[in-house]
N, C-alpha and C. Protein backbone atom coordinates (compact mmCIF):
# COMPACT_ATOMS: atom_id res chain seq x y z
N MET A 1 -4.32 12.65 6.31
CA MET A 1 -2.93 12.96 6.07
C MET A 1 -2.68 14.41 6.47
N SER A 2 -1.46 14.64 6.91
CA SER A 2 -1.09 16.00 7.29
C SER A 2 0.34 16.28 6.84
N ILE A 3 0.61 17.56 6.65
CA ILE A 3 1.96 18.00 6.29
C ILE A 3 2.54 18.68 7.52
N ARG A 4 3.78 18.32 7.83
CA ARG A 4 4.44 18.94 8.97
C ARG A 4 5.93 19.11 8.67
N GLU A 5 6.54 19.98 9.44
CA GLU A 5 7.98 20.16 9.31
C GLU A 5 8.69 18.92 9.84
N ALA A 6 9.70 18.49 9.13
CA ALA A 6 10.47 17.33 9.55
C ALA A 6 11.27 17.65 10.81
N VAL A 7 11.45 16.63 11.62
CA VAL A 7 12.23 16.75 12.85
C VAL A 7 13.38 15.74 12.80
N ASP A 8 14.27 15.81 13.77
CA ASP A 8 15.44 14.92 13.79
C ASP A 8 15.06 13.45 13.63
N GLY A 9 13.97 13.04 14.23
CA GLY A 9 13.54 11.64 14.14
C GLY A 9 13.17 11.20 12.74
N ASP A 10 12.92 12.15 11.85
CA ASP A 10 12.56 11.84 10.47
C ASP A 10 13.79 11.66 9.56
N ILE A 11 14.95 12.05 10.06
CA ILE A 11 16.15 12.06 9.22
C ILE A 11 16.45 10.69 8.60
N PRO A 12 16.37 9.58 9.33
CA PRO A 12 16.67 8.29 8.68
C PRO A 12 15.77 8.00 7.48
N ILE A 13 14.50 8.33 7.58
CA ILE A 13 13.58 8.08 6.47
C ILE A 13 13.89 9.02 5.31
N LEU A 14 14.21 10.27 5.61
CA LEU A 14 14.58 11.21 4.55
C LEU A 14 15.84 10.74 3.84
N ALA A 15 16.79 10.18 4.59
CA ALA A 15 18.03 9.69 3.99
C ALA A 15 17.79 8.48 3.10
N ILE A 16 16.89 7.61 3.50
CA ILE A 16 16.54 6.45 2.66
C ILE A 16 15.94 6.94 1.35
N HIS A 17 15.04 7.89 1.43
CA HIS A 17 14.42 8.45 0.23
C HIS A 17 15.49 9.06 -0.68
N HIS A 18 16.42 9.78 -0.10
CA HIS A 18 17.51 10.42 -0.86
C HIS A 18 18.35 9.35 -1.57
N ARG A 19 18.71 8.28 -0.85
CA ARG A 19 19.49 7.19 -1.44
C ARG A 19 18.72 6.53 -2.59
N LYS A 20 17.46 6.25 -2.37
CA LYS A 20 16.66 5.59 -3.41
C LYS A 20 16.53 6.46 -4.65
N MET A 21 16.49 7.77 -4.47
CA MET A 21 16.44 8.68 -5.61
C MET A 21 17.68 8.48 -6.48
N PHE A 22 18.86 8.44 -5.85
CA PHE A 22 20.09 8.24 -6.61
C PHE A 22 20.14 6.87 -7.26
N GLU A 23 19.67 5.85 -6.55
CA GLU A 23 19.64 4.50 -7.13
C GLU A 23 18.76 4.46 -8.38
N GLU A 24 17.63 5.13 -8.31
CA GLU A 24 16.73 5.17 -9.47
C GLU A 24 17.38 5.90 -10.64
N ILE A 25 18.07 7.00 -10.36
CA ILE A 25 18.76 7.74 -11.42
C ILE A 25 19.81 6.85 -12.08
N TRP A 26 20.62 6.18 -11.26
CA TRP A 26 21.65 5.29 -11.82
C TRP A 26 21.02 4.19 -12.66
N GLU A 27 19.95 3.61 -12.14
CA GLU A 27 19.28 2.52 -12.86
C GLU A 27 18.75 3.00 -14.21
N LYS A 28 18.12 4.16 -14.23
CA LYS A 28 17.57 4.70 -15.48
C LYS A 28 18.67 5.02 -16.49
N LYS A 29 19.87 5.33 -15.99
CA LYS A 29 21.00 5.60 -16.88
C LYS A 29 21.67 4.30 -17.33
N GLY A 30 21.22 3.17 -16.79
CA GLY A 30 21.80 1.89 -17.13
C GLY A 30 23.12 1.63 -16.43
N GLU A 31 23.38 2.34 -15.36
CA GLU A 31 24.64 2.19 -14.63
C GLU A 31 24.47 1.18 -13.49
N ASP A 32 25.55 0.44 -13.23
CA ASP A 32 25.55 -0.48 -12.10
C ASP A 32 25.48 0.31 -10.80
N ILE A 33 24.78 -0.26 -9.85
CA ILE A 33 24.62 0.39 -8.56
C ILE A 33 25.55 -0.30 -7.57
N ASP A 34 26.51 0.42 -7.08
CA ASP A 34 27.43 -0.10 -6.07
C ASP A 34 26.79 0.10 -4.71
N SER A 35 26.47 -0.99 -4.03
CA SER A 35 25.74 -0.88 -2.76
C SER A 35 26.55 -0.14 -1.70
N SER A 36 27.88 -0.24 -1.74
CA SER A 36 28.67 0.48 -0.74
C SER A 36 28.57 1.99 -0.96
N VAL A 37 28.47 2.41 -2.20
CA VAL A 37 28.31 3.84 -2.50
C VAL A 37 26.92 4.30 -2.05
N SER A 38 25.91 3.48 -2.30
CA SER A 38 24.55 3.82 -1.86
C SER A 38 24.47 4.00 -0.36
N VAL A 39 25.10 3.10 0.36
CA VAL A 39 25.10 3.17 1.82
C VAL A 39 25.82 4.43 2.29
N GLU A 40 26.95 4.76 1.66
CA GLU A 40 27.70 5.95 2.05
C GLU A 40 26.91 7.22 1.74
N ILE A 41 26.18 7.25 0.63
CA ILE A 41 25.33 8.41 0.30
C ILE A 41 24.30 8.61 1.41
N GLU A 42 23.69 7.52 1.84
CA GLU A 42 22.67 7.61 2.90
C GLU A 42 23.29 8.11 4.21
N LYS A 43 24.42 7.56 4.60
CA LYS A 43 25.09 7.99 5.84
C LYS A 43 25.51 9.46 5.78
N ALA A 44 26.06 9.86 4.63
CA ALA A 44 26.50 11.26 4.47
C ALA A 44 25.31 12.21 4.54
N TYR A 45 24.18 11.80 3.98
CA TYR A 45 22.99 12.65 4.01
C TYR A 45 22.45 12.78 5.44
N ILE A 46 22.52 11.69 6.20
CA ILE A 46 22.11 11.75 7.60
C ILE A 46 22.96 12.77 8.35
N ARG A 47 24.27 12.70 8.17
CA ARG A 47 25.17 13.66 8.85
C ARG A 47 24.86 15.09 8.43
N LYS A 48 24.64 15.27 7.14
CA LYS A 48 24.34 16.61 6.60
C LYS A 48 23.06 17.17 7.21
N LEU A 49 22.00 16.36 7.21
CA LEU A 49 20.73 16.84 7.75
C LEU A 49 20.81 17.09 9.25
N GLN A 50 21.50 16.23 9.97
CA GLN A 50 21.64 16.46 11.41
C GLN A 50 22.28 17.82 11.67
N ARG A 51 23.33 18.11 10.94
CA ARG A 51 24.04 19.38 11.10
C ARG A 51 23.15 20.55 10.68
N GLN A 52 22.50 20.42 9.53
CA GLN A 52 21.73 21.53 9.00
C GLN A 52 20.40 21.74 9.71
N PHE A 53 19.77 20.70 10.21
CA PHE A 53 18.57 20.90 11.02
C PHE A 53 18.95 21.66 12.29
N GLN A 54 20.09 21.28 12.86
CA GLN A 54 20.54 21.91 14.11
C GLN A 54 20.82 23.41 13.92
N ASP A 55 21.53 23.76 12.83
CA ASP A 55 21.89 25.18 12.66
C ASP A 55 20.83 25.97 11.89
N GLY A 56 19.76 25.30 11.49
CA GLY A 56 18.65 25.99 10.83
C GLY A 56 18.84 26.29 9.36
N SER A 57 19.92 25.76 8.76
CA SER A 57 20.18 26.05 7.35
C SER A 57 19.38 25.16 6.40
N CYS A 58 18.68 24.17 6.93
CA CYS A 58 17.85 23.29 6.10
C CYS A 58 16.55 23.01 6.82
N LYS A 59 15.49 23.05 6.07
CA LYS A 59 14.18 22.66 6.57
C LYS A 59 13.59 21.69 5.57
N ALA A 60 12.79 20.77 6.05
CA ALA A 60 12.13 19.80 5.18
C ALA A 60 10.71 19.60 5.73
N TRP A 61 9.84 19.15 4.86
CA TRP A 61 8.47 18.86 5.26
C TRP A 61 8.16 17.44 4.84
N VAL A 62 7.30 16.80 5.60
CA VAL A 62 6.89 15.43 5.32
C VAL A 62 5.37 15.34 5.33
N ILE A 63 4.88 14.37 4.62
CA ILE A 63 3.45 14.05 4.66
C ILE A 63 3.30 12.85 5.56
N GLU A 64 2.45 12.99 6.54
CA GLU A 64 2.27 11.94 7.53
C GLU A 64 0.85 11.39 7.44
N ASP A 65 0.74 10.08 7.45
CA ASP A 65 -0.56 9.42 7.41
C ASP A 65 -0.59 8.42 8.57
N GLU A 66 -1.44 8.70 9.52
CA GLU A 66 -1.56 7.84 10.71
C GLU A 66 -0.19 7.61 11.35
N ARG A 67 0.54 8.70 11.56
CA ARG A 67 1.85 8.71 12.21
C ARG A 67 2.94 8.02 11.39
N ARG A 68 2.70 7.79 10.13
CA ARG A 68 3.70 7.20 9.24
C ARG A 68 4.00 8.15 8.11
N ILE A 69 5.27 8.36 7.85
CA ILE A 69 5.66 9.28 6.78
C ILE A 69 5.48 8.57 5.45
N GLU A 70 4.85 9.26 4.54
CA GLU A 70 4.60 8.71 3.21
C GLU A 70 5.59 9.25 2.23
């Protein structure tokens, strides 16, 4: 396994992780999960990361195992 800085190609996976985090929070609070809201959170995070990776205002790191992000 290795740690590396995330690149644009990693953004979809980072966005899925971000969405799942919110889904887990809602579930633990006993709140219903609206799938359309979950999808919009993921899409908005993709747009945010694309913009922020480009302008350098956000950096992220990923753990990679055999070319797969864990």
